[in-house]
């Protein structure tokens, strides 16, 4: 799975998501691509699941470029604390 090798701090502040991406939303490699239609946080597990599904569909005949990196830590509230 994708993860940053080194970070200065373990946790980041949770910023707001507003609007669609300005950079990285155009097709740079290949002839087909996937684009998100709404804003959301995406985890490394979701990126890996999408990569596996695309690889299975292309039967290892196509080339896949992943242009996003999960460098934002997503944390959850511990169980039974509410």
C-alpha atoms as a PDB file:
ATOM      1  CA  UNK A   1       0.000   0.000   0.000  1.00  0.00           C
ATOM      2  CA  UNK A   2       1.068   3.582  -0.522  1.00  0.00           C
ATOM      3  CA  UNK A   3       2.348   5.511   2.498  1.00  0.00           C
ATOM      4  CA  UNK A   4       4.767   8.407   3.018  1.00  0.00           C
ATOM      5  CA  UNK A   5       8.292   7.302   3.902  1.00  0.00           C
ATOM      6  CA  UNK A   6       9.051  10.146   6.272  1.00  0.00           C
ATOM      7  CA  UNK A   7       6.951  12.886   7.831  1.00  0.00           C
ATOM      8  CA  UNK A   8       7.840  15.626  10.269  1.00  0.00           C
ATOM      9  CA  UNK A   9       4.710  15.082  12.381  1.00  0.00           C
ATOM     10  CA  UNK A  10       2.529  11.973  12.754  1.00  0.00           C
ATOM     11  CA  UNK A  11      -0.833  13.735  12.495  1.00  0.00           C
ATOM     12  CA  UNK A  12      -1.987  16.720  10.421  1.00  0.00           C
ATOM     13  CA  UNK A  13      -4.822  19.145  10.937  1.00  0.00           C
ATOM     14  CA  UNK A  14      -8.004  18.171   9.106  1.00  0.00           C
ATOM     15  CA  UNK A  15      -8.490  20.800   6.403  1.00  0.00           C
ATOM     16  CA  UNK A  16     -11.724  21.536   4.576  1.00  0.00           C
ATOM     17  CA  UNK A  17     -12.486  20.011   1.202  1.00  0.00           C
ATOM     18  CA  UNK A  18     -13.882  22.618  -1.136  1.00  0.00           C
ATOM     19  CA  UNK A  19     -14.320  22.398  -4.881  1.00  0.00           C
ATOM     20  CA  UNK A  20     -12.799  20.156  -7.507  1.00  0.00           C
ATOM     21  CA  UNK A  21      -9.069  19.715  -8.004  1.00  0.00           C
ATOM     22  CA  UNK A  22      -7.399  22.374 -10.131  1.00  0.00           C
ATOM     23  CA  UNK A  23      -4.111  20.574 -10.666  1.00  0.00           C
ATOM     24  CA  UNK A  24      -3.782  16.948 -11.719  1.00  0.00           C
ATOM     25  CA  UNK A  25      -7.284  16.686 -13.148  1.00  0.00           C
ATOM     26  CA  UNK A  26      -6.265  16.590 -16.809  1.00  0.00           C
ATOM     27  CA  UNK A  27      -5.169  13.455 -18.644  1.00  0.00           C
ATOM     28  CA  UNK A  28      -1.372  13.366 -18.920  1.00  0.00           C
ATOM     29  CA  UNK A  29      -0.554   9.733 -19.677  1.00  0.00           C
ATOM     30  CA  UNK A  30      -2.375   7.201 -21.833  1.00  0.00           C
ATOM     31  CA  UNK A  31      -5.622   7.588 -23.735  1.00  0.00           C
ATOM     32  CA  UNK A  32      -8.262   6.854 -21.045  1.00  0.00           C
ATOM     33  CA  UNK A  33      -8.654   7.973 -17.445  1.00  0.00           C
ATOM     34  CA  UNK A  34     -10.846   8.083 -14.342  1.00  0.00           C
ATOM     35  CA  UNK A  35     -11.877  11.356 -12.733  1.00  0.00           C
ATOM     36  CA  UNK A  36     -13.707  11.984  -9.475  1.00  0.00           C
ATOM     37  CA  UNK A  37     -17.033  13.803  -9.746  1.00  0.00           C
ATOM     38  CA  UNK A  38     -17.208  15.038  -6.141  1.00  0.00           C
ATOM     39  CA  UNK A  39     -14.846  15.876  -3.306  1.00  0.00           C
ATOM     40  CA  UNK A  40     -13.947  13.186  -0.786  1.00  0.00           C
ATOM     41  CA  UNK A  41     -11.038  11.841   1.229  1.00  0.00           C
ATOM     42  CA  UNK A  42      -9.566   8.740  -0.344  1.00  0.00           C
ATOM     43  CA  UNK A  43      -7.460   6.246   1.585  1.00  0.00           C
ATOM     44  CA  UNK A  44      -4.530   4.093   0.512  1.00  0.00           C
ATOM     45  CA  UNK A  45      -6.759   1.003   0.711  1.00  0.00           C
ATOM     46  CA  UNK A  46      -9.253   2.543  -1.716  1.00  0.00           C
ATOM     47  CA  UNK A  47      -6.473   3.454  -4.167  1.00  0.00           C
ATOM     48  CA  UNK A  48      -5.099  -0.093  -3.951  1.00  0.00           C
ATOM     49  CA  UNK A  49      -8.565  -1.621  -4.481  1.00  0.00           C
ATOM     50  CA  UNK A  50      -9.117   0.558  -7.569  1.00  0.00           C
ATOM     51  CA  UNK A  51      -5.690  -0.377  -8.926  1.00  0.00           C
ATOM     52  CA  UNK A  52      -6.403  -4.102  -8.459  1.00  0.00           C
ATOM     53  CA  UNK A  53      -9.804  -3.821 -10.158  1.00  0.00           C
ATOM     54  CA  UNK A  54      -8.327  -1.970 -13.142  1.00  0.00           C
ATOM     55  CA  UNK A  55      -5.435  -4.441 -13.422  1.00  0.00           C
ATOM     56  CA  UNK A  56      -7.856  -7.368 -13.329  1.00  0.00           C
ATOM     57  CA  UNK A  57     -10.062  -5.769 -15.987  1.00  0.00           C
ATOM     58  CA  UNK A  58      -7.174  -5.020 -18.373  1.00  0.00           C
ATOM     59  CA  UNK A  59      -5.759  -8.518 -17.775  1.00  0.00           C
ATOM     60  CA  UNK A  60      -2.291  -7.056 -17.222  1.00  0.00           C
ATOM     61  CA  UNK A  61      -2.220  -5.843 -20.808  1.00  0.00           C
ATOM     62  CA  UNK A  62      -2.549  -2.134 -20.084  1.00  0.00           C
ATOM     63  CA  UNK A  63      -0.406   0.396 -18.273  1.00  0.00           C
ATOM     64  CA  UNK A  64      -1.885   2.163 -15.215  1.00  0.00           C
ATOM     65  CA  UNK A  65      -0.626   5.468 -13.792  1.00  0.00           C
ATOM     66  CA  UNK A  66      -1.830   6.548 -10.353  1.00  0.00           C
ATOM     67  CA  UNK A  67      -1.407  10.291  -9.951  1.00  0.00           C
ATOM     68  CA  UNK A  68      -2.656  10.678  -6.377  1.00  0.00           C
ATOM     69  CA  UNK A  69      -0.787   9.879  -3.172  1.00  0.00           C
ATOM     70  CA  UNK A  70      -2.378   9.321   0.264  1.00  0.00           C
ATOM     71  CA  UNK A  71      -0.138  11.605   2.313  1.00  0.00           C
ATOM     72  CA  UNK A  72      -2.943  12.869   4.591  1.00  0.00           C
ATOM     73  CA  UNK A  73      -3.454  10.747   7.725  1.00  0.00           C
ATOM     74  CA  UNK A  74      -7.135   9.862   8.198  1.00  0.00           C
ATOM     75  CA  UNK A  75      -7.948   9.020  11.814  1.00  0.00           C
ATOM     76  CA  UNK A  76     -11.085   7.703  13.467  1.00  0.00           C
ATOM     77  CA  UNK A  77     -12.516   8.146  16.934  1.00  0.00           C
ATOM     78  CA  UNK A  78     -11.791   5.039  19.062  1.00  0.00           C
ATOM     79  CA  UNK A  79     -14.577   2.519  19.581  1.00  0.00           C
ATOM     80  CA  UNK A  80     -16.997   3.012  22.501  1.00  0.00           C
ATOM     81  CA  UNK A  81     -15.949   6.586  23.319  1.00  0.00           C
ATOM     82  CA  UNK A  82     -19.081   8.505  22.364  1.00  0.00           C
END
